[in-house]
């Protein structure tokens, strides 16, 4: 049993485990709505669209989290504004902002030869370098995400399944959409500096998508997604420790693999 317990006796691995557990819980709350509303492209675009803010913050010696937050809020505001145009589909607006923000970030990065290492950390993270302060930030983000999820639950449900009925019932779909974007933004910004945008997006989409194949009730999907995310975190850290692979990427690979296993099992169940 030493191969199972031994790695978690090391302090930085324990910190990494707690960080990925907290990220899994936050992403389960936000990712369920991303999956139900078909906003996976938005999640990917927002996670990578933070690059200009992170790059500027790094060059100016400021807070990377604050830079990411500003860029993510700008991205969310742009998506909301373009989404109101009757001549543009939401995917078109997201794609334009994604390309624009990413190209702006690359332009900024190109002016700094020293940013290559920081860019690698931005994309892939360093979950094994998490410290107690980062865990505190994630706990605070989880509390805020939980509050938003509870307060906006009724509006989110109506928006996800019938926006027109939500408007008829006076549930303010535009406000619900803004809150949902805020929840997704919170999940990405709170997590990227700990585990990288690669891991954030993997945990944001894969566990809720895997659980959505088996459950219809939203709280059940959220709970199952959280458990799958935690399972991916434990398994990924163990594989990374014993095989010497990148921890964040390994956790993401395990989470995505869980989705394909779930999809295959669901299909076999359907044939029976």
C-alpha atoms as a PDB file:
ATOM      1  CA  UNK A   1       0.000   0.000   0.000  1.00  0.00           C
ATOM      2  CA  UNK A   2       3.042   2.259   0.189  1.00  0.00           C
ATOM      3  CA  UNK A   3       2.712   3.056  -3.544  1.00  0.00           C
ATOM      4  CA  UNK A   4      -0.798   4.386  -2.833  1.00  0.00           C
ATOM      5  CA  UNK A   5      -0.218   6.290   0.412  1.00  0.00           C
ATOM      6  CA  UNK A   6       3.481   7.143   0.191  1.00  0.00           C
ATOM      7  CA  UNK A   7       3.256  10.015  -2.321  1.00  0.00           C
ATOM      8  CA  UNK A   8       0.680  11.850  -0.204  1.00  0.00           C
ATOM      9  CA  UNK A   9       2.980  11.784   2.818  1.00  0.00           C
ATOM     10  CA  UNK A  10       5.066  14.425   1.000  1.00  0.00           C
ATOM     11  CA  UNK A  11       3.841  17.912   1.863  1.00  0.00           C
ATOM     12  CA  UNK A  12       3.836  19.415  -1.644  1.00  0.00           C
ATOM     13  CA  UNK A  13       1.873  16.447  -3.002  1.00  0.00           C
ATOM     14  CA  UNK A  14      -0.700  16.876  -0.221  1.00  0.00           C
ATOM     15  CA  UNK A  15      -1.009  20.553  -1.117  1.00  0.00           C
ATOM     16  CA  UNK A  16      -1.437  19.598  -4.769  1.00  0.00           C
ATOM     17  CA  UNK A  17      -4.150  17.122  -3.819  1.00  0.00           C
ATOM     18  CA  UNK A  18      -6.083  19.679  -1.769  1.00  0.00           C
ATOM     19  CA  UNK A  19      -5.721  22.248  -4.543  1.00  0.00           C
ATOM     20  CA  UNK A  20      -7.098  19.893  -7.198  1.00  0.00           C
ATOM     21  CA  UNK A  21      -9.931  18.824  -4.889  1.00  0.00           C
ATOM     22  CA  UNK A  22     -10.958  22.469  -4.421  1.00  0.00           C
ATOM     23  CA  UNK A  23     -10.617  23.137  -8.159  1.00  0.00           C
ATOM     24  CA  UNK A  24     -12.731  20.041  -8.861  1.00  0.00           C
ATOM     25  CA  UNK A  25     -15.507  21.342  -6.609  1.00  0.00           C
ATOM     26  CA  UNK A  26     -15.443  24.826  -8.157  1.00  0.00           C
ATOM     27  CA  UNK A  27     -15.368  23.432 -11.691  1.00  0.00           C
ATOM     28  CA  UNK A  28     -18.192  20.993 -10.933  1.00  0.00           C
ATOM     29  CA  UNK A  29     -20.434  23.929  -9.991  1.00  0.00           C
ATOM     30  CA  UNK A  30     -19.522  26.009 -13.045  1.00  0.00           C
ATOM     31  CA  UNK A  31     -18.847  23.194 -15.507  1.00  0.00           C
ATOM     32  CA  UNK A  32     -22.287  21.640 -15.117  1.00  0.00           C
ATOM     33  CA  UNK A  33     -23.841  24.768 -16.617  1.00  0.00           C
ATOM     34  CA  UNK A  34     -21.142  24.921 -19.299  1.00  0.00           C
ATOM     35  CA  UNK A  35     -22.088  21.396 -20.391  1.00  0.00           C
ATOM     36  CA  UNK A  36     -25.862  21.838 -20.101  1.00  0.00           C
ATOM     37  CA  UNK A  37     -25.814  25.081 -22.083  1.00  0.00           C
ATOM     38  CA  UNK A  38     -23.270  23.860 -24.630  1.00  0.00           C
ATOM     39  CA  UNK A  39     -20.715  26.515 -23.688  1.00  0.00           C
ATOM     40  CA  UNK A  40     -17.567  24.395 -23.886  1.00  0.00           C
ATOM     41  CA  UNK A  41     -16.135  26.629 -26.617  1.00  0.00           C
ATOM     42  CA  UNK A  42     -16.762  29.631 -24.371  1.00  0.00           C
ATOM     43  CA  UNK A  43     -14.898  27.982 -21.501  1.00  0.00           C
ATOM     44  CA  UNK A  44     -11.928  27.223 -23.738  1.00  0.00           C
ATOM     45  CA  UNK A  45     -11.946  30.732 -25.203  1.00  0.00           C
ATOM     46  CA  UNK A  46     -12.095  32.398 -21.788  1.00  0.00           C
ATOM     47  CA  UNK A  47      -9.332  30.249 -20.336  1.00  0.00           C
ATOM     48  CA  UNK A  48      -6.945  31.133 -23.161  1.00  0.00           C
ATOM     49  CA  UNK A  49      -8.299  34.650 -23.660  1.00  0.00           C
ATOM     50  CA  UNK A  50      -6.777  35.603 -20.309  1.00  0.00           C
ATOM     51  CA  UNK A  51      -3.314  35.612 -21.884  1.00  0.00           C
ATOM     52  CA  UNK A  52      -3.136  39.401 -22.569  1.00  0.00           C
ATOM     53  CA  UNK A  53      -3.973  40.238 -18.961  1.00  0.00           C
ATOM     54  CA  UNK A  54      -1.495  37.711 -17.579  1.00  0.00           C
ATOM     55  CA  UNK A  55       1.216  38.866 -19.985  1.00  0.00           C
ATOM     56  CA  UNK A  56       0.740  42.549 -19.129  1.00  0.00           C
ATOM     57  CA  UNK A  57       0.682  41.827 -15.414  1.00  0.00           C
ATOM     58  CA  UNK A  58       3.893  39.817 -15.711  1.00  0.00           C
ATOM     59  CA  UNK A  59       5.665  42.527 -17.720  1.00  0.00           C
ATOM     60  CA  UNK A  60       4.568  45.264 -15.311  1.00  0.00           C
ATOM     61  CA  UNK A  61       5.355  43.240 -12.208  1.00  0.00           C
ATOM     62  CA  UNK A  62       1.734  43.158 -11.065  1.00  0.00           C
ATOM     63  CA  UNK A  63      -0.573  40.399  -9.848  1.00  0.00           C
ATOM     64  CA  UNK A  64      -1.110  37.652 -12.432  1.00  0.00           C
ATOM     65  CA  UNK A  65      -4.484  36.847 -10.895  1.00  0.00           C
ATOM     66  CA  UNK A  66      -5.612  40.468 -11.191  1.00  0.00           C
ATOM     67  CA  UNK A  67      -4.416  40.599 -14.795  1.00  0.00           C
ATOM     68  CA  UNK A  68      -6.258  37.386 -15.598  1.00  0.00           C
ATOM     69  CA  UNK A  69      -9.394  38.699 -13.903  1.00  0.00           C
ATOM     70  CA  UNK A  70      -9.387  41.922 -15.932  1.00  0.00           C
ATOM     71  CA  UNK A  71      -8.889  40.022 -19.200  1.00  0.00           C
ATOM     72  CA  UNK A  72     -11.562  37.445 -18.329  1.00  0.00           C
ATOM     73  CA  UNK A  73     -14.079  40.141 -17.375  1.00  0.00           C
ATOM     74  CA  UNK A  74     -13.347  41.957 -20.646  1.00  0.00           C
ATOM     75  CA  UNK A  75     -13.842  38.698 -22.521  1.00  0.00           C
ATOM     76  CA  UNK A  76     -17.137  37.995 -20.752  1.00  0.00           C
ATOM     77  CA  UNK A  77     -18.377  41.544 -21.394  1.00  0.00           C
ATOM     78  CA  UNK A  78     -17.460  41.226 -25.054  1.00  0.00           C
ATOM     79  CA  UNK A  79     -19.270  37.897 -25.387  1.00  0.00           C
ATOM     80  CA  UNK A  80     -22.364  39.409 -23.763  1.00  0.00           C
ATOM     81  CA  UNK A  81     -22.291  42.475 -26.022  1.00  0.00           C
ATOM     82  CA  UNK A  82     -21.766  40.533 -29.260  1.00  0.00           C
ATOM     83  CA  UNK A  83     -24.388  37.986 -28.203  1.00  0.00           C
ATOM     84  CA  UNK A  84     -27.054  40.692 -28.426  1.00  0.00           C
ATOM     85  CA  UNK A  85     -26.434  41.179 -32.158  1.00  0.00           C
ATOM     86  CA  UNK A  86     -29.148  39.429 -34.209  1.00  0.00           C
ATOM     87  CA  UNK A  87     -26.751  39.030 -37.141  1.00  0.00           C
ATOM     88  CA  UNK A  88     -24.020  37.151 -35.262  1.00  0.00           C
ATOM     89  CA  UNK A  89     -24.286  33.744 -33.643  1.00  0.00           C
ATOM     90  CA  UNK A  90     -22.824  33.366 -30.167  1.00  0.00           C
ATOM     91  CA  UNK A  91     -20.106  31.004 -31.455  1.00  0.00           C
ATOM     92  CA  UNK A  92     -19.031  33.615 -34.024  1.00  0.00           C
ATOM     93  CA  UNK A  93     -18.664  36.297 -31.363  1.00  0.00           C
ATOM     94  CA  UNK A  94     -16.761  33.938 -29.055  1.00  0.00           C
ATOM     95  CA  UNK A  95     -14.466  32.858 -31.878  1.00  0.00           C
ATOM     96  CA  UNK A  96     -13.655  36.444 -32.851  1.00  0.00           C
ATOM     97  CA  UNK A  97     -12.897  37.442 -29.267  1.00  0.00           C
ATOM     98  CA  UNK A  98     -10.887  34.258 -28.704  1.00  0.00           C
ATOM     99  CA  UNK A  99      -8.683  34.926 -31.745  1.00  0.00           C
ATOM    100  CA  UNK A 100      -8.369  38.631 -30.936  1.00  0.00           C
ATOM    101  CA  UNK A 101      -7.434  38.172 -27.269  1.00  0.00           C
ATOM    102  CA  UNK A 102      -5.034  35.310 -28.000  1.00  0.00           C
ATOM    103  CA  UNK A 103      -3.265  37.224 -30.778  1.00  0.00           C
ATOM    104  CA  UNK A 104      -2.996  40.289 -28.530  1.00  0.00           C
ATOM    105  CA  UNK A 105      -1.466  38.129 -25.828  1.00  0.00           C
ATOM    106  CA  UNK A 106       1.087  36.640 -28.232  1.00  0.00           C
ATOM    107  CA  UNK A 107       2.024  40.143 -29.423  1.00  0.00           C
ATOM    108  CA  UNK A 108       2.626  41.228 -25.834  1.00  0.00           C
ATOM    109  CA  UNK A 109       4.604  38.065 -25.083  1.00  0.00           C
ATOM    110  CA  UNK A 110       6.767  38.605 -28.178  1.00  0.00           C
ATOM    111  CA  UNK A 111       8.129  41.778 -26.588  1.00  0.00           C
ATOM    112  CA  UNK A 112       9.510  39.854 -23.636  1.00  0.00           C
ATOM    113  CA  UNK A 113      12.131  37.150 -24.101  1.00  0.00           C
ATOM    114  CA  UNK A 114      11.822  36.164 -20.449  1.00  0.00           C
ATOM    115  CA  UNK A 115       8.116  35.355 -20.607  1.00  0.00           C
ATOM    116  CA  UNK A 116       8.494  31.904 -22.196  1.00  0.00           C
ATOM    117  CA  UNK A 117       8.725  30.118 -18.845  1.00  0.00           C
ATOM    118  CA  UNK A 118       5.798  32.092 -17.445  1.00  0.00           C
ATOM    119  CA  UNK A 119       3.739  31.223 -20.536  1.00  0.00           C
ATOM    120  CA  UNK A 120       4.448  27.530 -19.974  1.00  0.00           C
ATOM    121  CA  UNK A 121       3.229  27.875 -16.399  1.00  0.00           C
ATOM    122  CA  UNK A 122       0.153  29.742 -17.600  1.00  0.00           C
ATOM    123  CA  UNK A 123      -0.824  26.919 -19.974  1.00  0.00           C
ATOM    124  CA  UNK A 124       0.218  23.860 -17.972  1.00  0.00           C
ATOM    125  CA  UNK A 125       0.415  25.108 -14.402  1.00  0.00           C
ATOM    126  CA  UNK A 126       2.550  23.771 -11.580  1.00  0.00           C
ATOM    127  CA  UNK A 127       0.187  22.027  -9.239  1.00  0.00           C
ATOM    128  CA  UNK A 128       3.105  20.649  -7.209  1.00  0.00           C
ATOM    129  CA  UNK A 129       4.169  24.191  -6.304  1.00  0.00           C
ATOM    130  CA  UNK A 130       0.910  25.111  -4.538  1.00  0.00           C
ATOM    131  CA  UNK A 131       1.311  26.724  -1.121  1.00  0.00           C
ATOM    132  CA  UNK A 132      -1.044  27.404   1.766  1.00  0.00           C
ATOM    133  CA  UNK A 133      -1.942  30.905   0.552  1.00  0.00           C
ATOM    134  CA  UNK A 134      -3.178  29.571  -2.803  1.00  0.00           C
ATOM    135  CA  UNK A 135      -5.317  27.023  -0.958  1.00  0.00           C
ATOM    136  CA  UNK A 136      -6.899  29.877   0.991  1.00  0.00           C
ATOM    137  CA  UNK A 137      -7.755  31.678  -2.249  1.00  0.00           C
ATOM    138  CA  UNK A 138      -9.367  28.522  -3.614  1.00  0.00           C
ATOM    139  CA  UNK A 139     -11.448  28.045  -0.465  1.00  0.00           C
ATOM    140  CA  UNK A 140     -12.723  31.635  -0.785  1.00  0.00           C
ATOM    141  CA  UNK A 141     -13.478  31.087  -4.496  1.00  0.00           C
ATOM    142  CA  UNK A 142     -15.374  27.891  -3.665  1.00  0.00           C
ATOM    143  CA  UNK A 143     -17.525  29.730  -1.120  1.00  0.00           C
ATOM    144  CA  UNK A 144     -18.358  32.452  -3.661  1.00  0.00           C
ATOM    145  CA  UNK A 145     -19.079  29.873  -6.373  1.00  0.00           C
ATOM    146  CA  UNK A 146     -21.363  27.992  -4.005  1.00  0.00           C
ATOM    147  CA  UNK A 147     -23.226  31.180  -3.102  1.00  0.00           C
ATOM    148  CA  UNK A 148     -23.722  32.156  -6.759  1.00  0.00           C
ATOM    149  CA  UNK A 149     -24.868  28.627  -7.596  1.00  0.00           C
ATOM    150  CA  UNK A 150     -27.467  28.618  -4.845  1.00  0.00           C
ATOM    151  CA  UNK A 151     -28.759  32.143  -5.471  1.00  0.00           C
ATOM    152  CA  UNK A 152     -28.906  31.733  -9.238  1.00  0.00           C
ATOM    153  CA  UNK A 153     -29.994  28.084  -9.408  1.00  0.00           C
ATOM    154  CA  UNK A 154     -33.605  28.711 -10.438  1.00  0.00           C
ATOM    155  CA  UNK A 155     -32.597  31.276 -13.059  1.00  0.00           C
ATOM    156  CA  UNK A 156     -29.836  29.020 -14.385  1.00  0.00           C
ATOM    157  CA  UNK A 157     -32.207  26.069 -14.769  1.00  0.00           C
ATOM    158  CA  UNK A 158     -34.739  28.145 -16.687  1.00  0.00           C
ATOM    159  CA  UNK A 159     -32.006  29.662 -18.866  1.00  0.00           C
ATOM    160  CA  UNK A 160     -30.451  26.277 -19.641  1.00  0.00           C
ATOM    161  CA  UNK A 161     -33.664  24.602 -20.780  1.00  0.00           C
ATOM    162  CA  UNK A 162     -36.003  27.351 -22.025  1.00  0.00           C
ATOM    163  CA  UNK A 163     -34.773  30.973 -22.142  1.00  0.00           C
ATOM    164  CA  UNK A 164     -38.107  32.196 -23.533  1.00  0.00           C
ATOM    165  CA  UNK A 165     -40.023  30.658 -20.651  1.00  0.00           C
ATOM    166  CA  UNK A 166     -37.506  32.182 -18.242  1.00  0.00           C
ATOM    167  CA  UNK A 167     -38.342  35.594 -19.654  1.00  0.00           C
ATOM    168  CA  UNK A 168     -42.074  34.868 -19.368  1.00  0.00           C
ATOM    169  CA  UNK A 169     -41.658  33.883 -15.715  1.00  0.00           C
ATOM    170  CA  UNK A 170     -39.744  37.074 -14.999  1.00  0.00           C
ATOM    171  CA  UNK A 171     -36.501  35.248 -14.202  1.00  0.00           C
ATOM    172  CA  UNK A 172     -34.386  37.785 -16.100  1.00  0.00           C
ATOM    173  CA  UNK A 173     -32.412  35.563 -18.512  1.00  0.00           C
ATOM    174  CA  UNK A 174     -29.896  38.317 -19.294  1.00  0.00           C
ATOM    175  CA  UNK A 175     -29.000  38.628 -15.625  1.00  0.00           C
ATOM    176  CA  UNK A 176     -28.860  34.835 -15.358  1.00  0.00           C
ATOM    177  CA  UNK A 177     -26.518  34.679 -18.358  1.00  0.00           C
ATOM    178  CA  UNK A 178     -24.272  37.354 -16.821  1.00  0.00           C
ATOM    179  CA  UNK A 179     -24.168  35.501 -13.499  1.00  0.00           C
ATOM    180  CA  UNK A 180     -23.382  32.249 -15.274  1.00  0.00           C
ATOM    181  CA  UNK A 181     -20.537  33.889 -17.169  1.00  0.00           C
ATOM    182  CA  UNK A 182     -19.341  35.281 -13.853  1.00  0.00           C
ATOM    183  CA  UNK A 183     -19.372  31.799 -12.333  1.00  0.00           C
ATOM    184  CA  UNK A 184     -17.356  30.378 -15.223  1.00  0.00           C
ATOM    185  CA  UNK A 185     -14.944  33.322 -15.019  1.00  0.00           C
ATOM    186  CA  UNK A 186     -14.497  32.753 -11.291  1.00  0.00           C
ATOM    187  CA  UNK A 187     -13.737  29.058 -11.806  1.00  0.00           C
ATOM    188  CA  UNK A 188     -11.110  29.775 -14.461  1.00  0.00           C
ATOM    189  CA  UNK A 189      -9.445  32.764 -12.791  1.00  0.00           C
ATOM    190  CA  UNK A 190      -9.360  31.174  -9.346  1.00  0.00           C
ATOM    191  CA  UNK A 191      -7.774  28.004 -10.660  1.00  0.00           C
ATOM    192  CA  UNK A 192      -5.483  28.836 -13.579  1.00  0.00           C
ATOM    193  CA  UNK A 193      -2.538  30.171 -11.539  1.00  0.00           C
ATOM    194  CA  UNK A 194      -2.581  27.001  -9.467  1.00  0.00           C
ATOM    195  CA  UNK A 195      -3.106  24.305 -12.079  1.00  0.00           C
ATOM    196  CA  UNK A 196      -2.867  26.026 -15.471  1.00  0.00           C
ATOM    197  CA  UNK A 197      -5.519  26.654 -18.092  1.00  0.00           C
ATOM    198  CA  UNK A 198      -5.076  23.144 -19.537  1.00  0.00           C
ATOM    199  CA  UNK A 199      -6.155  21.481 -16.300  1.00  0.00           C
ATOM    200  CA  UNK A 200      -8.869  24.035 -15.572  1.00  0.00           C
ATOM    201  CA  UNK A 201     -10.593  23.457 -18.909  1.00  0.00           C
ATOM    202  CA  UNK A 202     -10.258  19.662 -18.565  1.00  0.00           C
ATOM    203  CA  UNK A 203     -11.885  19.644 -15.128  1.00  0.00           C
ATOM    204  CA  UNK A 204     -14.447  22.247 -16.205  1.00  0.00           C
ATOM    205  CA  UNK A 205     -15.899  20.079 -18.980  1.00  0.00           C
ATOM    206  CA  UNK A 206     -14.906  16.407 -18.716  1.00  0.00           C
ATOM    207  CA  UNK A 207     -16.386  15.361 -15.317  1.00  0.00           C
ATOM    208  CA  UNK A 208     -19.766  17.135 -15.801  1.00  0.00           C
ATOM    209  CA  UNK A 209     -20.025  15.757 -19.360  1.00  0.00           C
ATOM    210  CA  UNK A 210     -19.286  12.250 -18.111  1.00  0.00           C
ATOM    211  CA  UNK A 211     -21.894  12.521 -15.369  1.00  0.00           C
ATOM    212  CA  UNK A 212     -24.515  14.097 -17.640  1.00  0.00           C
ATOM    213  CA  UNK A 213     -24.663  10.788 -19.546  1.00  0.00           C
ATOM    214  CA  UNK A 214     -26.003   9.031 -16.453  1.00  0.00           C
ATOM    215  CA  UNK A 215     -28.006  11.594 -14.480  1.00  0.00           C
ATOM    216  CA  UNK A 216     -30.771  14.049 -15.285  1.00  0.00           C
ATOM    217  CA  UNK A 217     -31.036  15.967 -12.019  1.00  0.00           C
ATOM    218  CA  UNK A 218     -28.656  18.919 -11.896  1.00  0.00           C
ATOM    219  CA  UNK A 219     -27.536  18.487  -8.241  1.00  0.00           C
ATOM    220  CA  UNK A 220     -26.706  14.845  -9.001  1.00  0.00           C
ATOM    221  CA  UNK A 221     -24.637  15.892 -12.030  1.00  0.00           C
ATOM    222  CA  UNK A 222     -22.749  18.430  -9.898  1.00  0.00           C
ATOM    223  CA  UNK A 223     -22.087  15.912  -7.136  1.00  0.00           C
ATOM    224  CA  UNK A 224     -20.992  13.220  -9.583  1.00  0.00           C
ATOM    225  CA  UNK A 225     -18.771  15.686 -11.448  1.00  0.00           C
ATOM    226  CA  UNK A 226     -17.098  16.685  -8.189  1.00  0.00           C
ATOM    227  CA  UNK A 227     -16.437  13.048  -7.281  1.00  0.00           C
ATOM    228  CA  UNK A 228     -15.091  12.259 -10.747  1.00  0.00           C
ATOM    229  CA  UNK A 229     -12.845  15.332 -10.592  1.00  0.00           C
ATOM    230  CA  UNK A 230     -11.494  14.286  -7.208  1.00  0.00           C
ATOM    231  CA  UNK A 231     -10.941  10.760  -8.524  1.00  0.00           C
ATOM    232  CA  UNK A 232      -9.040  12.170 -11.500  1.00  0.00           C
ATOM    233  CA  UNK A 233      -6.942  14.292  -9.140  1.00  0.00           C
ATOM    234  CA  UNK A 234      -5.942  11.349  -6.931  1.00  0.00           C
ATOM    235  CA  UNK A 235      -5.291   9.009  -9.856  1.00  0.00           C
ATOM    236  CA  UNK A 236      -3.423  11.635 -11.869  1.00  0.00           C
ATOM    237  CA  UNK A 237      -1.145  12.574  -8.978  1.00  0.00           C
ATOM    238  CA  UNK A 238      -0.328   8.917  -8.322  1.00  0.00           C
ATOM    239  CA  UNK A 239       0.456   8.235 -11.983  1.00  0.00           C
ATOM    240  CA  UNK A 240       2.511  11.417 -12.181  1.00  0.00           C
ATOM    241  CA  UNK A 241       4.482  10.508  -9.071  1.00  0.00           C
ATOM    242  CA  UNK A 242       5.305   6.948 -10.135  1.00  0.00           C
ATOM    243  CA  UNK A 243       5.878   7.572 -13.863  1.00  0.00           C
ATOM    244  CA  UNK A 244       7.442  11.020 -13.617  1.00  0.00           C
ATOM    245  CA  UNK A 245       4.915  12.724 -15.893  1.00  0.00           C
ATOM    246  CA  UNK A 246       3.609  16.315 -15.715  1.00  0.00           C
ATOM    247  CA  UNK A 247       1.073  16.376 -12.885  1.00  0.00           C
ATOM    248  CA  UNK A 248      -1.445  18.854 -14.339  1.00  0.00           C
ATOM    249  CA  UNK A 249      -1.499  17.241 -17.779  1.00  0.00           C
ATOM    250  CA  UNK A 250      -1.803  13.761 -16.236  1.00  0.00           C
ATOM    251  CA  UNK A 251      -4.800  14.782 -14.139  1.00  0.00           C
ATOM    252  CA  UNK A 252      -6.438  16.290 -17.222  1.00  0.00           C
ATOM    253  CA  UNK A 253      -5.749  13.131 -19.248  1.00  0.00           C
ATOM    254  CA  UNK A 254      -7.336  10.983 -16.531  1.00  0.00           C
ATOM    255  CA  UNK A 255     -10.411  13.246 -16.389  1.00  0.00           C
ATOM    256  CA  UNK A 256     -10.895  13.123 -20.158  1.00  0.00           C
ATOM    257  CA  UNK A 257     -10.342   9.344 -20.146  1.00  0.00           C
ATOM    258  CA  UNK A 258     -13.092   9.046 -17.540  1.00  0.00           C
ATOM    259  CA  UNK A 259     -15.468  10.788 -19.950  1.00  0.00           C
ATOM    260  CA  UNK A 260     -14.720   8.346 -22.775  1.00  0.00           C
ATOM    261  CA  UNK A 261     -15.111   5.363 -20.445  1.00  0.00           C
ATOM    262  CA  UNK A 262     -18.423   6.801 -19.255  1.00  0.00           C
ATOM    263  CA  UNK A 263     -19.561   7.396 -22.834  1.00  0.00           C
ATOM    264  CA  UNK A 264     -18.646   3.840 -23.837  1.00  0.00           C
ATOM    265  CA  UNK A 265     -20.403   2.348 -20.809  1.00  0.00           C
ATOM    266  CA  UNK A 266     -23.491   4.466 -21.488  1.00  0.00           C
ATOM    267  CA  UNK A 267     -23.578   3.291 -25.104  1.00  0.00           C
ATOM    268  CA  UNK A 268     -23.204  -0.367 -24.092  1.00  0.00           C
ATOM    269  CA  UNK A 269     -26.018   0.070 -21.595  1.00  0.00           C
ATOM    270  CA  UNK A 270     -28.189   1.515 -24.355  1.00  0.00           C
ATOM    271  CA  UNK A 271     -27.554  -1.480 -26.623  1.00  0.00           C
ATOM    272  CA  UNK A 272     -28.600  -3.846 -23.858  1.00  0.00           C
END
